[in-house]
């Protein structure tokens, strides 16, 4: 059985094309097709099946085609269609919103939300009605854990969403359930977070009382030559931080360069950062599950750091902090035992 379509093939369309239910059942038993939703099929060779977000996007498009008019894709489903990063959220149910005040329901495969949709709250993506980016971020942040909400919000800001538009959206949400958490997400979000790992890192560090870092911070040598751009920087502590993820090394690849080449180039870059007197703390995806490892590594770097090396970082100190200078050991002592939560 051959399905050569950009989106899921729906059962009524397949029956109209001359296929029978028995043929569909045989094709599924043979592993030729996969149902991404009841009555919606794609070839088993479709590479999108291997990526949870891409597979969810297929289920979303199938759901929209099977629903009556008026359903708008929303929440994490809208985030997926908008191409925003999502992490640690269930992608089994498709989320849609109807512009009404009652009649919502939550099923295993479909979560129907009912709430007013204002002018400008809906955009179209390839003919599919989807909540606009700011509305999507706020709706997602209201209904997922804090860190997962930050991942979505950081991605939207990185993609160009105006922070003022995001703030306006959270204000319009008023007293909707979960909006207190959404306000915290919006206040914490920063477009300088370029990956899930970097967003998770910021939340982890804030919860452990680490001073807010400068994100995507350029470093220069005394001749003003660019040494590198770091994921995180604490200029007043002479320290930079780097999250190491496989996706990051994919981004670093140049034409004809292997992942191994990228790792070697990154090591040379770290050497150049250290040549400027900066302490470099690195951590990996797995270590984010053990916050003490990341925090202790940073505290040791802070204790070794020399604030004088902040000359390599534009500005020397974070703009607008208004904080009096502290030595690295002052910070290390102040952070120890802190358990604040953003």
Protein backbone atom coordinates (compact mmCIF):
# COMPACT_ATOMS: atom_id res chain seq x y z
CA UNK A 1 0.00 0.00 0.00
CA UNK A 2 1.53 3.32 -1.08
CA UNK A 3 0.70 6.63 0.60
CA UNK A 4 2.46 9.53 -1.05
CA UNK A 5 0.98 12.51 0.79
CA UNK A 6 2.57 15.38 2.77
CA UNK A 7 0.14 14.87 5.64
CA UNK A 8 -1.79 11.97 7.16
CA UNK A 9 -4.15 10.13 4.82
CA UNK A 10 -7.64 9.97 6.33
CA UNK A 11 -9.78 6.86 6.17
CA UNK A 12 -12.72 8.49 4.28
CA UNK A 13 -10.32 9.75 1.61
CA UNK A 14 -8.67 6.34 1.30
CA UNK A 15 -12.05 4.61 0.98
CA UNK A 16 -13.08 7.15 -1.66
CA UNK A 17 -9.85 6.37 -3.52
CA UNK A 18 -10.83 2.68 -3.71
CA UNK A 19 -9.04 1.17 -0.73
CA UNK A 20 -11.00 -1.06 1.64
CA UNK A 21 -10.91 -1.35 5.42
CA UNK A 22 -9.48 -4.83 5.04
CA UNK A 23 -6.60 -3.46 2.97
CA UNK A 24 -5.95 -0.84 5.62
CA UNK A 25 -5.89 -3.51 8.34
CA UNK A 26 -3.48 -5.65 6.31
CA UNK A 27 -1.22 -2.68 5.68
CA UNK A 28 -1.06 -1.97 9.40
CA UNK A 29 -0.36 -5.62 10.26
CA UNK A 30 2.46 -5.70 7.72
CA UNK A 31 3.95 -2.52 9.12
CA UNK A 32 3.45 -0.62 5.86
CA UNK A 33 1.47 2.21 7.47
CA UNK A 34 1.17 3.68 10.97
CA UNK A 35 -1.90 5.29 12.46
CA UNK A 36 -0.95 8.64 14.00
CA UNK A 37 -4.56 9.03 15.07
CA UNK A 38 -7.60 6.85 14.65
CA UNK A 39 -8.40 6.82 10.95
CA UNK A 40 -5.26 8.79 9.95
CA UNK A 41 -2.30 7.01 8.38
CA UNK A 42 1.23 7.73 7.22
CA UNK A 43 3.82 5.38 5.67
CA UNK A 44 5.89 3.55 8.27
CA UNK A 45 8.99 4.91 6.52
CA UNK A 46 8.01 8.52 7.30
CA UNK A 47 10.98 9.97 9.22
CA UNK A 48 8.67 12.26 11.19
CA UNK A 49 7.52 9.26 13.19
CA UNK A 50 10.93 9.14 14.89
CA UNK A 51 10.63 12.65 16.35
CA UNK A 52 7.99 13.12 19.08
CA UNK A 53 7.21 16.74 18.12
CA UNK A 54 7.02 15.97 14.40
CA UNK A 55 4.81 12.94 15.08
CA UNK A 56 2.56 15.11 17.24
CA UNK A 57 2.30 17.63 14.40
CA UNK A 58 0.98 14.82 12.17
CA UNK A 59 -1.61 13.91 14.81
CA UNK A 60 -2.60 17.58 15.11
CA UNK A 61 -3.21 17.95 11.39
CA UNK A 62 -5.25 14.75 11.37
CA UNK A 63 -7.32 15.92 14.34
CA UNK A 64 -8.08 19.29 12.75
CA UNK A 65 -9.25 17.58 9.58
CA UNK A 66 -11.59 15.37 11.61
CA UNK A 67 -13.06 18.13 13.81
CA UNK A 68 -15.93 20.47 12.99
CA UNK A 69 -15.01 24.02 11.94
CA UNK A 70 -14.13 26.45 14.71
CA UNK A 71 -11.46 24.45 16.51
CA UNK A 72 -8.17 26.33 16.88
CA UNK A 73 -4.96 24.41 17.64
CA UNK A 74 -3.62 25.70 20.97
CA UNK A 75 -1.35 25.15 23.98
CA UNK A 76 1.56 22.73 23.42
CA UNK A 77 0.05 21.54 20.12
CA UNK A 78 0.20 25.10 18.81
CA UNK A 79 3.77 25.40 20.07
CA UNK A 80 4.71 22.36 18.00
CA UNK A 81 3.10 23.72 14.83
CA UNK A 82 4.77 27.09 15.41
CA UNK A 83 8.13 25.31 15.53
CA UNK A 84 8.82 26.19 19.16
CA UNK A 85 10.86 23.92 21.39
CA UNK A 86 8.91 21.73 23.79
CA UNK A 87 10.27 19.52 26.55
CA UNK A 88 8.93 17.17 29.20
CA UNK A 89 5.27 17.58 28.22
CA UNK A 90 2.90 14.79 27.14
CA UNK A 91 2.26 14.80 23.40
CA UNK A 92 -0.42 12.13 23.33
CA UNK A 93 -3.45 14.44 23.30
CA UNK A 94 -4.06 17.15 20.71
CA UNK A 95 -4.99 20.50 22.28
CA UNK A 96 -7.58 22.71 20.59
CA UNK A 97 -9.54 25.73 21.80
CA UNK A 98 -13.05 26.87 20.91
CA UNK A 99 -14.22 30.44 21.41
CA UNK A 100 -16.92 29.68 23.97
CA UNK A 101 -17.30 29.63 27.74
CA UNK A 102 -18.32 26.01 28.38
CA UNK A 103 -18.22 22.54 26.91
CA UNK A 104 -14.54 21.74 27.38
CA UNK A 105 -13.44 18.16 27.81
CA UNK A 106 -10.22 16.26 28.28
CA UNK A 107 -9.83 12.91 26.57
CA UNK A 108 -6.92 10.60 25.95
CA UNK A 109 -6.44 11.83 22.38
CA UNK A 110 -8.12 15.23 22.39
CA UNK A 111 -8.12 18.04 24.96
CA UNK A 112 -10.80 20.60 24.09
CA UNK A 113 -10.36 23.95 25.86
CA UNK A 114 -13.14 26.53 25.87
CA UNK A 115 -12.16 30.16 26.43
CA UNK A 116 -12.56 33.47 24.61
CA UNK A 117 -10.26 34.13 21.65
CA UNK A 118 -9.61 37.82 21.04
CA UNK A 119 -8.79 39.51 17.74
CA UNK A 120 -5.21 38.69 16.89
CA UNK A 121 -5.19 35.50 18.95
CA UNK A 122 -5.39 33.26 15.88
CA UNK A 123 -3.02 32.84 12.92
CA UNK A 124 -2.92 30.30 10.09
CA UNK A 125 -0.13 27.84 9.37
CA UNK A 126 -0.57 26.01 6.07
CA UNK A 127 -4.31 26.56 6.34
CA UNK A 128 -4.55 25.33 9.94
CA UNK A 129 -5.88 27.84 12.52
CA UNK A 130 -3.41 28.12 15.40
CA UNK A 131 -3.21 30.41 18.40
CA UNK A 132 -0.73 33.24 17.84
CA UNK A 133 2.75 32.91 19.39
CA UNK A 134 2.16 35.12 22.45
CA UNK A 135 -1.18 33.47 23.24
CA UNK A 136 0.39 30.05 22.69
CA UNK A 137 3.25 30.72 25.11
CA UNK A 138 0.89 31.94 27.82
CA UNK A 139 -1.58 29.06 27.38
CA UNK A 140 1.27 26.54 27.48
CA UNK A 141 2.85 28.21 30.51
CA UNK A 142 -0.48 28.06 32.36
CA UNK A 143 -0.81 24.31 31.85
CA UNK A 144 2.70 22.82 32.01
CA UNK A 145 5.37 22.83 34.75
CA UNK A 146 7.46 25.99 35.16
CA UNK A 147 10.62 24.73 33.44
CA UNK A 148 8.66 23.36 30.47
CA UNK A 149 6.95 26.74 30.15
CA UNK A 150 10.30 28.53 30.17
CA UNK A 151 11.53 26.28 27.36
CA UNK A 152 8.60 27.33 25.16
CA UNK A 153 8.83 31.02 26.11
CA UNK A 154 12.60 31.18 25.52
CA UNK A 155 12.12 29.63 22.09
CA UNK A 156 9.42 32.15 21.15
CA UNK A 157 11.55 35.11 22.24
CA UNK A 158 14.58 33.72 20.39
CA UNK A 159 12.38 33.43 17.28
CA UNK A 160 11.59 37.14 17.48
CA UNK A 161 8.47 37.45 19.63
CA UNK A 162 8.29 40.93 21.16
CA UNK A 163 8.54 40.68 24.98
CA UNK A 164 5.96 43.47 25.26
CA UNK A 165 3.52 41.36 23.23
CA UNK A 166 4.13 38.42 25.54
CA UNK A 167 3.58 40.59 28.61
CA UNK A 168 0.34 41.91 27.11
CA UNK A 169 -0.87 38.35 26.47
CA UNK A 170 -0.29 37.28 30.06
CA UNK A 171 -2.10 40.37 31.32
CA UNK A 172 -5.09 39.59 29.08
CA UNK A 173 -5.23 36.08 30.54
CA UNK A 174 -6.24 37.68 33.83
CA UNK A 175 -7.38 35.12 36.37
CA UNK A 176 -7.47 32.07 34.12
CA UNK A 177 -6.28 28.93 35.90
CA UNK A 178 -2.50 28.71 36.04
CA UNK A 179 -1.89 32.32 35.01
CA UNK A 180 0.11 33.07 38.16
CA UNK A 181 2.65 30.50 36.97
CA UNK A 182 2.50 31.96 33.45
CA UNK A 183 3.40 35.38 34.87
CA UNK A 184 6.48 33.87 36.51
CA UNK A 185 7.43 32.18 33.24
CA UNK A 186 7.06 35.41 31.26
CA UNK A 187 9.10 37.35 33.82
CA UNK A 188 11.88 34.74 33.71
CA UNK A 189 11.95 34.03 29.96
CA UNK A 190 14.90 35.23 27.90
CA UNK A 191 15.53 34.86 24.18
CA UNK A 192 19.20 34.26 24.95
CA UNK A 193 18.32 30.67 25.85
CA UNK A 194 19.16 28.87 22.60
CA UNK A 195 18.28 25.29 23.52
CA UNK A 196 16.26 23.19 25.92
CA UNK A 197 19.42 22.50 27.89
CA UNK A 198 20.23 26.19 28.26
CA UNK A 199 16.69 26.99 29.42
CA UNK A 200 16.77 24.13 31.92
CA UNK A 201 20.17 25.33 33.12
CA UNK A 202 18.91 28.85 33.81
CA UNK A 203 16.02 27.53 35.89
CA UNK A 204 18.30 25.17 37.82
CA UNK A 205 20.83 27.91 38.57
CA UNK A 206 18.16 30.41 39.64
CA UNK A 207 16.61 27.88 41.99
CA UNK A 208 19.99 27.37 43.62
CA UNK A 209 20.59 31.09 44.04
CA UNK A 210 23.31 31.49 41.43
CA UNK A 211 23.47 35.14 40.31
CA UNK A 212 21.75 35.73 36.95
CA UNK A 213 24.24 35.24 34.10
CA UNK A 214 24.72 37.26 30.94
CA UNK A 215 23.47 35.07 28.08
CA UNK A 216 25.23 34.58 24.74
CA UNK A 217 28.08 36.78 25.90
CA UNK A 218 30.89 37.68 23.45
CA UNK A 219 34.48 37.47 24.75
CA UNK A 220 37.38 39.41 23.22
CA UNK A 221 41.14 39.38 23.69
CA UNK A 222 43.13 42.58 24.47
CA UNK A 223 43.34 43.31 20.73
CA UNK A 224 39.50 43.22 20.60
CA UNK A 225 39.55 40.04 18.53
CA UNK A 226 36.54 37.81 19.08
CA UNK A 227 37.48 34.74 21.11
CA UNK A 228 34.03 33.19 21.37
CA UNK A 229 30.46 33.63 22.53
CA UNK A 230 29.63 31.81 25.75
CA UNK A 231 26.27 30.40 26.79
CA UNK A 232 26.54 32.04 30.23
CA UNK A 233 28.87 34.60 31.75
CA UNK A 234 29.43 36.14 35.18
CA UNK A 235 31.74 39.07 34.33
CA UNK A 236 32.10 40.24 37.93
CA UNK A 237 33.24 36.72 38.85
CA UNK A 238 35.62 36.14 35.94
CA UNK A 239 33.67 33.01 34.99
CA UNK A 240 31.81 31.69 31.96
CA UNK A 241 29.57 28.64 31.72
CA UNK A 242 28.90 26.31 28.82
CA UNK A 243 26.13 23.77 28.39
CA UNK A 244 27.34 20.88 26.26
CA UNK A 245 24.64 19.12 24.27
CA UNK A 246 24.74 17.01 21.12
CA UNK A 247 22.45 19.50 19.40
CA UNK A 248 24.93 22.26 20.16
CA UNK A 249 27.72 20.42 18.39
CA UNK A 250 25.41 19.95 15.42
CA UNK A 251 24.99 23.73 15.27
CA UNK A 252 28.75 24.20 15.39
CA UNK A 253 29.39 22.03 12.35
CA UNK A 254 30.75 23.74 9.26
CA UNK A 255 30.44 22.24 5.77
CA UNK A 256 32.57 19.11 5.58
CA UNK A 257 33.24 19.06 9.34
CA UNK A 258 32.58 15.98 11.46
CA UNK A 259 31.20 16.03 15.02
CA UNK A 260 34.65 15.02 16.23
CA UNK A 261 36.15 18.04 14.48
CA UNK A 262 33.59 20.28 16.21
CA UNK A 263 34.52 18.85 19.62
CA UNK A 264 38.22 19.54 18.99
CA UNK A 265 37.44 23.08 17.82
CA UNK A 266 35.36 23.65 20.94
CA UNK A 267 38.25 22.48 23.14
CA UNK A 268 40.57 24.96 21.43
CA UNK A 269 37.98 27.67 21.99
CA UNK A 270 37.89 26.80 25.70
CA UNK A 271 41.69 27.07 25.82
CA UNK A 272 41.45 30.57 24.33
CA UNK A 273 38.86 31.58 26.92
CA UNK A 274 41.16 30.36 29.67
CA UNK A 275 44.07 32.25 28.08
CA UNK A 276 42.06 35.40 28.80
CA UNK A 277 42.03 34.46 32.48
CA UNK A 278 38.43 33.26 32.54
CA UNK A 279 37.28 30.25 34.52
CA UNK A 280 35.23 27.89 32.34
CA UNK A 281 32.59 25.63 33.89
CA UNK A 282 30.91 23.07 31.65
CA UNK A 283 28.03 20.69 32.24
CA UNK A 284 26.08 18.18 30.22
CA UNK A 285 22.45 17.16 29.73
CA UNK A 286 22.72 14.21 32.13
CA UNK A 287 24.23 16.42 34.84
CA UNK A 288 21.15 18.67 34.80
CA UNK A 289 19.40 15.84 36.62
CA UNK A 290 21.92 16.20 39.45
CA UNK A 291 21.87 19.94 40.28
CA UNK A 292 24.49 19.64 43.03
CA UNK A 293 27.09 18.61 40.44
CA UNK A 294 26.45 21.69 38.29
CA UNK A 295 26.22 24.11 41.22
CA UNK A 296 29.35 22.80 42.96
CA UNK A 297 31.31 23.06 39.70
CA UNK A 298 30.24 26.67 39.27
CA UNK A 299 31.01 27.56 42.89
CA UNK A 300 34.52 26.19 42.51
CA UNK A 301 34.94 28.26 39.35
CA UNK A 302 33.64 31.37 41.13
CA UNK A 303 36.09 30.78 43.99
CA UNK A 304 38.98 30.58 41.52
CA UNK A 305 37.80 33.48 39.40
CA UNK A 306 39.39 36.90 39.24
CA UNK A 307 36.99 39.81 38.64
CA UNK A 308 39.80 41.64 36.83
CA UNK A 309 39.42 39.22 33.93
CA UNK A 310 35.99 40.70 33.21
CA UNK A 311 37.83 43.10 30.89
CA UNK A 312 37.51 40.33 28.27
CA UNK A 313 33.73 40.65 28.47
CA UNK A 314 32.00 43.79 27.15
CA UNK A 315 30.69 45.95 29.96
CA UNK A 316 32.67 44.16 32.67
CA UNK A 317 29.55 43.85 34.83
CA UNK A 318 25.92 43.11 34.08
CA UNK A 319 24.09 46.27 33.09
CA UNK A 320 21.51 47.55 35.50
CA UNK A 321 22.32 45.26 38.43
CA UNK A 322 23.18 48.10 40.76
CA UNK A 323 25.01 45.57 42.92
CA UNK A 324 28.14 46.43 44.85
CA UNK A 325 31.25 44.45 43.80
CA UNK A 326 31.67 41.09 45.47
CA UNK A 327 34.57 38.72 45.42
CA UNK A 328 34.06 35.19 44.02
CA UNK A 329 34.36 33.79 47.54
CA UNK A 330 31.64 36.17 48.76
CA UNK A 331 29.31 34.76 46.13
CA UNK A 332 30.25 31.18 46.90
CA UNK A 333 29.51 31.70 50.59
CA UNK A 334 26.22 33.43 49.85
CA UNK A 335 25.00 30.72 47.48
CA UNK A 336 25.82 27.79 49.74
CA UNK A 337 22.61 26.37 51.14
CA UNK A 338 20.35 28.72 49.19
CA UNK A 339 17.17 27.09 47.87
CA UNK A 340 15.20 29.93 46.28
CA UNK A 341 12.81 29.21 43.42
CA UNK A 342 12.06 31.54 40.51
